[in-house]
mmCIF file of all heavy atoms, coordinates in Angstrom:
data_MODEL
# 
_entry.id   MODEL 
# 
loop_
_atom_site.group_PDB 
_atom_site.id 
_atom_site.type_symbol 
_atom_site.label_atom_id 
_atom_site.label_alt_id 
_atom_site.label_comp_id 
_atom_site.label_asym_id 
_atom_site.label_entity_id 
_atom_site.label_seq_id 
_atom_site.pdbx_PDB_ins_code 
_atom_site.Cartn_x 
_atom_site.Cartn_y 
_atom_site.Cartn_z 
_atom_site.occupancy 
_atom_site.B_iso_or_equiv 
_atom_site.pdbx_formal_charge 
_atom_site.auth_seq_id 
_atom_site.auth_comp_id 
_atom_site.auth_asym_id 
_atom_site.auth_atom_id 
_atom_site.pdbx_PDB_model_num 
ATOM 1   N N   . GLY A 1 1  ? 32.288 -7.047  -22.943 1.00 0.00 ? 1  GLY A N   1 
ATOM 2   C CA  . GLY A 1 1  ? 32.229 -6.305  -21.687 1.00 0.00 ? 1  GLY A CA  1 
ATOM 3   C C   . GLY A 1 1  ? 31.982 -7.246  -20.529 1.00 0.00 ? 1  GLY A C   1 
ATOM 4   O O   . GLY A 1 1  ? 31.949 -8.464  -20.700 1.00 0.00 ? 1  GLY A O   1 
ATOM 5   N N   . ALA A 1 2  ? 31.821 -6.664  -19.341 1.00 0.00 ? 2  ALA A N   1 
ATOM 6   C CA  . ALA A 1 2  ? 31.598 -7.480  -18.142 1.00 0.00 ? 2  ALA A CA  1 
ATOM 7   C C   . ALA A 1 2  ? 30.787 -6.702  -17.128 1.00 0.00 ? 2  ALA A C   1 
ATOM 8   O O   . ALA A 1 2  ? 30.864 -5.463  -17.064 1.00 0.00 ? 2  ALA A O   1 
ATOM 9   C CB  . ALA A 1 2  ? 32.938 -7.893  -17.537 1.00 0.00 ? 2  ALA A CB  1 
ATOM 10  N N   . THR A 1 3  ? 30.009 -7.440  -16.344 1.00 0.00 ? 3  THR A N   1 
ATOM 11  C CA  . THR A 1 3  ? 29.240 -6.817  -15.271 1.00 0.00 ? 3  THR A CA  1 
ATOM 12  C C   . THR A 1 3  ? 28.893 -7.870  -14.228 1.00 0.00 ? 3  THR A C   1 
ATOM 13  O O   . THR A 1 3  ? 29.104 -9.064  -14.467 1.00 0.00 ? 3  THR A O   1 
ATOM 14  C CB  . THR A 1 3  ? 27.952 -6.152  -15.807 1.00 0.00 ? 3  THR A CB  1 
ATOM 15  O OG1 . THR A 1 3  ? 27.351 -5.387  -14.764 1.00 0.00 ? 3  THR A OG1 1 
ATOM 16  C CG2 . THR A 1 3  ? 26.949 -7.189  -16.318 1.00 0.00 ? 3  THR A CG2 1 
ATOM 17  N N   . THR A 1 4  ? 28.375 -7.461  -13.086 1.00 0.00 ? 4  THR A N   1 
ATOM 18  C CA  . THR A 1 4  ? 27.935 -8.431  -12.078 1.00 0.00 ? 4  THR A CA  1 
ATOM 19  C C   . THR A 1 4  ? 26.496 -8.122  -11.688 1.00 0.00 ? 4  THR A C   1 
ATOM 20  O O   . THR A 1 4  ? 26.117 -6.956  -11.576 1.00 0.00 ? 4  THR A O   1 
ATOM 21  C CB  . THR A 1 4  ? 28.819 -8.426  -10.804 1.00 0.00 ? 4  THR A CB  1 
ATOM 22  O OG1 . THR A 1 4  ? 28.339 -7.415  -9.910  1.00 0.00 ? 4  THR A OG1 1 
ATOM 23  C CG2 . THR A 1 4  ? 30.281 -8.200  -11.121 1.00 0.00 ? 4  THR A CG2 1 
ATOM 24  N N   . VAL A 1 5  ? 25.728 -9.188  -11.461 1.00 0.00 ? 5  VAL A N   1 
ATOM 25  C CA  . VAL A 1 5  ? 24.308 -9.018  -11.142 1.00 0.00 ? 5  VAL A CA  1 
ATOM 26  C C   . VAL A 1 5  ? 23.900 -10.142 -10.178 1.00 0.00 ? 5  VAL A C   1 
ATOM 27  O O   . VAL A 1 5  ? 24.568 -11.182 -10.115 1.00 0.00 ? 5  VAL A O   1 
ATOM 28  C CB  . VAL A 1 5  ? 23.478 -9.050  -12.454 1.00 0.00 ? 5  VAL A CB  1 
ATOM 29  C CG1 . VAL A 1 5  ? 23.509 -10.436 -13.088 1.00 0.00 ? 5  VAL A CG1 1 
ATOM 30  C CG2 . VAL A 1 5  ? 22.052 -8.587  -12.243 1.00 0.00 ? 5  VAL A CG2 1 
ATOM 31  N N   . SER A 1 6  ? 22.823 -9.934  -9.431  1.00 0.00 ? 6  SER A N   1 
ATOM 32  C CA  . SER A 1 6  ? 22.383 -10.940 -8.447  1.00 0.00 ? 6  SER A CA  1 
ATOM 33  C C   . SER A 1 6  ? 22.150 -12.297 -9.115  1.00 0.00 ? 6  SER A C   1 
ATOM 34  O O   . SER A 1 6  ? 21.333 -12.429 -10.024 1.00 0.00 ? 6  SER A O   1 
ATOM 35  C CB  . SER A 1 6  ? 21.087 -10.486 -7.768  1.00 0.00 ? 6  SER A CB  1 
ATOM 36  O OG  . SER A 1 6  ? 20.492 -11.595 -7.109  1.00 0.00 ? 6  SER A OG  1 
ATOM 37  N N   . ALA A 1 7  ? 22.878 -13.312 -8.630  1.00 0.00 ? 7  ALA A N   1 
ATOM 38  C CA  . ALA A 1 7  ? 22.796 -14.650 -9.229  1.00 0.00 ? 7  ALA A CA  1 
ATOM 39  C C   . ALA A 1 7  ? 21.416 -15.265 -9.023  1.00 0.00 ? 7  ALA A C   1 
ATOM 40  O O   . ALA A 1 7  ? 20.844 -15.858 -9.937  1.00 0.00 ? 7  ALA A O   1 
ATOM 41  C CB  . ALA A 1 7  ? 23.871 -15.547 -8.611  1.00 0.00 ? 7  ALA A CB  1 
ATOM 42  N N   . THR A 1 8  ? 20.859 -15.101 -7.817  1.00 0.00 ? 8  THR A N   1 
ATOM 43  C CA  . THR A 1 8  ? 19.563 -15.711 -7.507  1.00 0.00 ? 8  THR A CA  1 
ATOM 44  C C   . THR A 1 8  ? 18.449 -15.083 -8.326  1.00 0.00 ? 8  THR A C   1 
ATOM 45  O O   . THR A 1 8  ? 17.603 -15.784 -8.884  1.00 0.00 ? 8  THR A O   1 
ATOM 46  C CB  . THR A 1 8  ? 19.250 -15.561 -5.994  1.00 0.00 ? 8  THR A CB  1 
ATOM 47  O OG1 . THR A 1 8  ? 20.413 -15.954 -5.256  1.00 0.00 ? 8  THR A OG1 1 
ATOM 48  C CG2 . THR A 1 8  ? 18.098 -16.431 -5.567  1.00 0.00 ? 8  THR A CG2 1 
ATOM 49  N N   . THR A 1 9  ? 18.447 -13.748 -8.411  1.00 0.00 ? 9  THR A N   1 
ATOM 50  C CA  . THR A 1 9  ? 17.391 -13.059 -9.172  1.00 0.00 ? 9  THR A CA  1 
ATOM 51  C C   . THR A 1 9  ? 17.463 -13.417 -10.650 1.00 0.00 ? 9  THR A C   1 
ATOM 52  O O   . THR A 1 9  ? 16.452 -13.707 -11.288 1.00 0.00 ? 9  THR A O   1 
ATOM 53  C CB  . THR A 1 9  ? 17.515 -11.521 -8.993  1.00 0.00 ? 9  THR A CB  1 
ATOM 54  O OG1 . THR A 1 9  ? 17.659 -11.227 -7.609  1.00 0.00 ? 9  THR A OG1 1 
ATOM 55  C CG2 . THR A 1 9  ? 16.290 -10.808 -9.532  1.00 0.00 ? 9  THR A CG2 1 
ATOM 56  N N   . LEU A 1 10 ? 18.674 -13.398 -11.207 1.00 0.00 ? 10 LEU A N   1 
ATOM 57  C CA  . LEU A 1 10 ? 18.847 -13.740 -12.621 1.00 0.00 ? 10 LEU A CA  1 
ATOM 58  C C   . LEU A 1 10 ? 18.377 -15.174 -12.879 1.00 0.00 ? 10 LEU A C   1 
ATOM 59  O O   . LEU A 1 10 ? 17.689 -15.457 -13.864 1.00 0.00 ? 10 LEU A O   1 
ATOM 60  C CB  . LEU A 1 10 ? 20.317 -13.571 -13.027 1.00 0.00 ? 10 LEU A CB  1 
ATOM 61  C CG  . LEU A 1 10 ? 20.659 -13.876 -14.495 1.00 0.00 ? 10 LEU A CG  1 
ATOM 62  C CD1 . LEU A 1 10 ? 19.866 -12.982 -15.442 1.00 0.00 ? 10 LEU A CD1 1 
ATOM 63  C CD2 . LEU A 1 10 ? 22.159 -13.700 -14.752 1.00 0.00 ? 10 LEU A CD2 1 
ATOM 64  N N   . ASN A 1 11 ? 18.708 -16.077 -11.970 1.00 0.00 ? 11 ASN A N   1 
ATOM 65  C CA  . ASN A 1 11 ? 18.305 -17.475 -12.115 1.00 0.00 ? 11 ASN A CA  1 
ATOM 66  C C   . ASN A 1 11 ? 16.782 -17.609 -12.112 1.00 0.00 ? 11 ASN A C   1 
ATOM 67  O O   . ASN A 1 11 ? 16.201 -18.322 -12.940 1.00 0.00 ? 11 ASN A O   1 
ATOM 68  C CB  . ASN A 1 11 ? 18.906 -18.312 -10.983 1.00 0.00 ? 11 ASN A CB  1 
ATOM 69  C CG  . ASN A 1 11 ? 18.606 -19.786 -11.138 1.00 0.00 ? 11 ASN A CG  1 
ATOM 70  O OD1 . ASN A 1 11 ? 18.928 -20.403 -12.147 1.00 0.00 ? 11 ASN A OD1 1 
ATOM 71  N ND2 . ASN A 1 11 ? 17.945 -20.361 -10.143 1.00 0.00 ? 11 ASN A ND2 1 
ATOM 72  N N   . GLU A 1 12 ? 16.131 -16.888 -11.185 1.00 0.00 ? 12 GLU A N   1 
ATOM 73  C CA  . GLU A 1 12 ? 14.665 -16.946 -11.095 1.00 0.00 ? 12 GLU A CA  1 
ATOM 74  C C   . GLU A 1 12 ? 14.010 -16.418 -12.375 1.00 0.00 ? 12 GLU A C   1 
ATOM 75  O O   . GLU A 1 12 ? 13.050 -16.995 -12.882 1.00 0.00 ? 12 GLU A O   1 
ATOM 76  C CB  . GLU A 1 12 ? 14.178 -16.107 -9.894  1.00 0.00 ? 12 GLU A CB  1 
ATOM 77  C CG  . GLU A 1 12 ? 14.360 -16.794 -8.563  1.00 0.00 ? 12 GLU A CG  1 
ATOM 78  C CD  . GLU A 1 12 ? 13.554 -18.080 -8.460  1.00 0.00 ? 12 GLU A CD  1 
ATOM 79  O OE1 . GLU A 1 12 ? 12.316 -18.018 -8.503  1.00 0.00 ? 12 GLU A OE1 1 
ATOM 80  O OE2 . GLU A 1 12 ? 14.159 -19.162 -8.377  1.00 0.00 ? 12 GLU A OE2 1 
ATOM 81  N N   . ILE A 1 13 ? 14.547 -15.314 -12.903 1.00 0.00 ? 13 ILE A N   1 
ATOM 82  C CA  . ILE A 1 13 ? 13.988 -14.718 -14.127 1.00 0.00 ? 13 ILE A CA  1 
ATOM 83  C C   . ILE A 1 13 ? 14.110 -15.698 -15.294 1.00 0.00 ? 13 ILE A C   1 
ATOM 84  O O   . ILE A 1 13 ? 13.141 -15.987 -15.996 1.00 0.00 ? 13 ILE A O   1 
ATOM 85  C CB  . ILE A 1 13 ? 14.692 -13.379 -14.463 1.00 0.00 ? 13 ILE A CB  1 
ATOM 86  C CG1 . ILE A 1 13 ? 14.279 -12.304 -13.452 1.00 0.00 ? 13 ILE A CG1 1 
ATOM 87  C CG2 . ILE A 1 13 ? 14.385 -12.925 -15.896 1.00 0.00 ? 13 ILE A CG2 1 
ATOM 88  C CD1 . ILE A 1 13 ? 15.074 -11.006 -13.554 1.00 0.00 ? 13 ILE A CD1 1 
ATOM 89  N N   . VAL A 1 14 ? 15.327 -16.224 -15.484 1.00 0.00 ? 14 VAL A N   1 
ATOM 90  C CA  . VAL A 1 14 ? 15.574 -17.103 -16.638 1.00 0.00 ? 14 VAL A CA  1 
ATOM 91  C C   . VAL A 1 14 ? 14.747 -18.383 -16.515 1.00 0.00 ? 14 VAL A C   1 
ATOM 92  O O   . VAL A 1 14 ? 14.212 -18.895 -17.499 1.00 0.00 ? 14 VAL A O   1 
ATOM 93  C CB  . VAL A 1 14 ? 17.086 -17.434 -16.764 1.00 0.00 ? 14 VAL A CB  1 
ATOM 94  C CG1 . VAL A 1 14 ? 17.339 -18.382 -17.927 1.00 0.00 ? 14 VAL A CG1 1 
ATOM 95  C CG2 . VAL A 1 14 ? 17.899 -16.163 -16.954 1.00 0.00 ? 14 VAL A CG2 1 
ATOM 96  N N   . ARG A 1 15 ? 14.595 -18.875 -15.278 1.00 0.00 ? 15 ARG A N   1 
ATOM 97  C CA  . ARG A 1 15 ? 13.826 -20.108 -15.046 1.00 0.00 ? 15 ARG A CA  1 
ATOM 98  C C   . ARG A 1 15 ? 12.370 -19.932 -15.467 1.00 0.00 ? 15 ARG A C   1 
ATOM 99  O O   . ARG A 1 15 ? 11.728 -20.859 -15.958 1.00 0.00 ? 15 ARG A O   1 
ATOM 100 C CB  . ARG A 1 15 ? 13.908 -20.471 -13.559 1.00 0.00 ? 15 ARG A CB  1 
ATOM 101 C CG  . ARG A 1 15 ? 13.444 -21.864 -13.210 1.00 0.00 ? 15 ARG A CG  1 
ATOM 102 C CD  . ARG A 1 15 ? 13.759 -22.197 -11.751 1.00 0.00 ? 15 ARG A CD  1 
ATOM 103 N NE  . ARG A 1 15 ? 13.107 -21.293 -10.812 1.00 0.00 ? 15 ARG A NE  1 
ATOM 104 C CZ  . ARG A 1 15 ? 11.828 -21.375 -10.456 1.00 0.00 ? 15 ARG A CZ  1 
ATOM 105 N NH1 . ARG A 1 15 ? 11.069 -22.305 -10.975 1.00 0.00 ? 15 ARG A NH1 1 
ATOM 106 N NH2 . ARG A 1 15 ? 11.320 -20.529 -9.585  1.00 0.00 ? 15 ARG A NH2 1 
ATOM 107 N N   . LYS A 1 16 ? 11.855 -18.705 -15.275 1.00 0.00 ? 16 LYS A N   1 
ATOM 108 C CA  . LYS A 1 16 ? 10.431 -18.455 -15.559 1.00 0.00 ? 16 LYS A CA  1 
ATOM 109 C C   . LYS A 1 16 ? 10.171 -18.045 -17.007 1.00 0.00 ? 16 LYS A C   1 
ATOM 110 O O   . LYS A 1 16 ? 9.017  -17.883 -17.396 1.00 0.00 ? 16 LYS A O   1 
ATOM 111 C CB  . LYS A 1 16 ? 9.910  -17.390 -14.593 1.00 0.00 ? 16 LYS A CB  1 
ATOM 112 C CG  . LYS A 1 16 ? 9.842  -17.903 -13.160 1.00 0.00 ? 16 LYS A CG  1 
ATOM 113 C CD  . LYS A 1 16 ? 9.553  -16.805 -12.157 1.00 0.00 ? 16 LYS A CD  1 
ATOM 114 C CE  . LYS A 1 16 ? 9.588  -17.359 -10.731 1.00 0.00 ? 16 LYS A CE  1 
ATOM 115 N NZ  . LYS A 1 16 ? 9.447  -16.306 -9.718  1.00 0.00 ? 16 LYS A NZ  1 
ATOM 116 N N   . LEU A 1 17 ? 11.220 -17.851 -17.783 1.00 0.00 ? 17 LEU A N   1 
ATOM 117 C CA  . LEU A 1 17 ? 11.032 -17.504 -19.198 1.00 0.00 ? 17 LEU A CA  1 
ATOM 118 C C   . LEU A 1 17 ? 10.583 -18.744 -19.978 1.00 0.00 ? 17 LEU A C   1 
ATOM 119 O O   . LEU A 1 17 ? 10.902 -19.864 -19.591 1.00 0.00 ? 17 LEU A O   1 
ATOM 120 C CB  . LEU A 1 17 ? 12.338 -16.964 -19.793 1.00 0.00 ? 17 LEU A CB  1 
ATOM 121 C CG  . LEU A 1 17 ? 12.806 -15.592 -19.287 1.00 0.00 ? 17 LEU A CG  1 
ATOM 122 C CD1 . LEU A 1 17 ? 14.173 -15.253 -19.864 1.00 0.00 ? 17 LEU A CD1 1 
ATOM 123 C CD2 . LEU A 1 17 ? 11.801 -14.489 -19.636 1.00 0.00 ? 17 LEU A CD2 1 
ATOM 124 N N   . PRO A 1 18 ? 9.856  -18.556 -21.085 1.00 0.00 ? 18 PRO A N   1 
ATOM 125 C CA  . PRO A 1 18 ? 9.385  -19.726 -21.847 1.00 0.00 ? 18 PRO A CA  1 
ATOM 126 C C   . PRO A 1 18 ? 10.525 -20.495 -22.498 1.00 0.00 ? 18 PRO A C   1 
ATOM 127 O O   . PRO A 1 18 ? 11.560 -19.915 -22.855 1.00 0.00 ? 18 PRO A O   1 
ATOM 128 C CB  . PRO A 1 18 ? 8.452  -19.111 -22.905 1.00 0.00 ? 18 PRO A CB  1 
ATOM 129 C CG  . PRO A 1 18 ? 8.830  -17.671 -22.979 1.00 0.00 ? 18 PRO A CG  1 
ATOM 130 C CD  . PRO A 1 18 ? 9.372  -17.283 -21.643 1.00 0.00 ? 18 PRO A CD  1 
ATOM 131 N N   . ASP A 1 19 ? 10.333 -21.805 -22.650 1.00 0.00 ? 19 ASP A N   1 
ATOM 132 C CA  . ASP A 1 19 ? 11.310 -22.669 -23.323 1.00 0.00 ? 19 ASP A CA  1 
ATOM 133 C C   . ASP A 1 19 ? 11.612 -22.164 -24.720 1.00 0.00 ? 19 ASP A C   1 
ATOM 134 O O   . ASP A 1 19 ? 10.708 -21.715 -25.423 1.00 0.00 ? 19 ASP A O   1 
ATOM 135 C CB  . ASP A 1 19 ? 10.739 -24.099 -23.444 1.00 0.00 ? 19 ASP A CB  1 
ATOM 136 C CG  . ASP A 1 19 ? 11.125 -24.934 -22.246 1.00 0.00 ? 19 ASP A CG  1 
ATOM 137 O OD1 . ASP A 1 19 ? 11.982 -24.473 -21.484 1.00 0.00 ? 19 ASP A OD1 1 
ATOM 138 O OD2 . ASP A 1 19 ? 10.559 -26.032 -22.079 1.00 0.00 ? 19 ASP A OD2 1 
ATOM 139 N N   . GLY A 1 20 ? 12.882 -22.261 -25.104 1.00 0.00 ? 20 GLY A N   1 
ATOM 140 C CA  . GLY A 1 20 ? 13.257 -21.899 -26.478 1.00 0.00 ? 20 GLY A CA  1 
ATOM 141 C C   . GLY A 1 20 ? 13.408 -20.400 -26.710 1.00 0.00 ? 20 GLY A C   1 
ATOM 142 O O   . GLY A 1 20 ? 13.736 -19.969 -27.808 1.00 0.00 ? 20 GLY A O   1 
ATOM 143 N N   . ALA A 1 21 ? 13.160 -19.596 -25.663 1.00 0.00 ? 21 ALA A N   1 
ATOM 144 C CA  . ALA A 1 21 ? 13.257 -18.133 -25.838 1.00 0.00 ? 21 ALA A CA  1 
ATOM 145 C C   . ALA A 1 21 ? 14.706 -17.723 -26.095 1.00 0.00 ? 21 ALA A C   1 
ATOM 146 O O   . ALA A 1 21 ? 15.644 -18.351 -25.592 1.00 0.00 ? 21 ALA A O   1 
ATOM 147 C CB  . ALA A 1 21 ? 12.728 -17.436 -24.585 1.00 0.00 ? 21 ALA A CB  1 
ATOM 148 N N   . GLN A 1 22 ? 14.876 -16.673 -26.906 1.00 0.00 ? 22 GLN A N   1 
ATOM 149 C CA  . GLN A 1 22 ? 16.196 -16.081 -27.117 1.00 0.00 ? 22 GLN A CA  1 
ATOM 150 C C   . GLN A 1 22 ? 16.299 -14.906 -26.148 1.00 0.00 ? 22 GLN A C   1 
ATOM 151 O O   . GLN A 1 22 ? 15.430 -14.023 -26.144 1.00 0.00 ? 22 GLN A O   1 
ATOM 152 C CB  . GLN A 1 22 ? 16.336 -15.613 -28.581 1.00 0.00 ? 22 GLN A CB  1 
ATOM 153 C CG  . GLN A 1 22 ? 17.753 -15.327 -29.033 1.00 0.00 ? 22 GLN A CG  1 
ATOM 154 C CD  . GLN A 1 22 ? 18.635 -16.580 -29.116 1.00 0.00 ? 22 GLN A CD  1 
ATOM 155 O OE1 . GLN A 1 22 ? 18.126 -17.688 -29.149 1.00 0.00 ? 22 GLN A OE1 1 
ATOM 156 N NE2 . GLN A 1 22 ? 19.935 -16.405 -29.135 1.00 0.00 ? 22 GLN A NE2 1 
ATOM 157 N N   . VAL A 1 23 ? 17.314 -14.918 -25.308 1.00 0.00 ? 23 VAL A N   1 
ATOM 158 C CA  . VAL A 1 23 ? 17.419 -13.905 -24.247 1.00 0.00 ? 23 VAL A CA  1 
ATOM 159 C C   . VAL A 1 23 ? 18.543 -12.924 -24.577 1.00 0.00 ? 23 VAL A C   1 
ATOM 160 O O   . VAL A 1 23 ? 19.649 -13.343 -24.941 1.00 0.00 ? 23 VAL A O   1 
ATOM 161 C CB  . VAL A 1 23 ? 17.705 -14.562 -22.869 1.00 0.00 ? 23 VAL A CB  1 
ATOM 162 C CG1 . VAL A 1 23 ? 17.643 -13.537 -21.748 1.00 0.00 ? 23 VAL A CG1 1 
ATOM 163 C CG2 . VAL A 1 23 ? 16.726 -15.703 -22.604 1.00 0.00 ? 23 VAL A CG2 1 
ATOM 164 N N   . THR A 1 24 ? 18.245 -11.630 -24.449 1.00 0.00 ? 24 THR A N   1 
ATOM 165 C CA  . THR A 1 24 ? 19.263 -10.601 -24.673 1.00 0.00 ? 24 THR A CA  1 
ATOM 166 C C   . THR A 1 24 ? 19.622 -9.950  -23.342 1.00 0.00 ? 24 THR A C   1 
ATOM 167 O O   . THR A 1 24 ? 18.728 -9.514  -22.596 1.00 0.00 ? 24 THR A O   1 
ATOM 168 C CB  . THR A 1 24 ? 18.757 -9.514  -25.650 1.00 0.00 ? 24 THR A CB  1 
ATOM 169 O OG1 . THR A 1 24 ? 18.367 -10.162 -26.862 1.00 0.00 ? 24 THR A OG1 1 
ATOM 170 C CG2 . THR A 1 24 ? 19.837 -8.486  -25.952 1.00 0.00 ? 24 THR A CG2 1 
# 
C-alpha cells in the first residue's frame, strides 16, 4: 500500500526511538 505523512514529524519520532528498535 501507500500513504503520505509529515516528513519532519516522522523523522523526529524515529530519531527519538531507541537504537535497534523494530518499528511497525
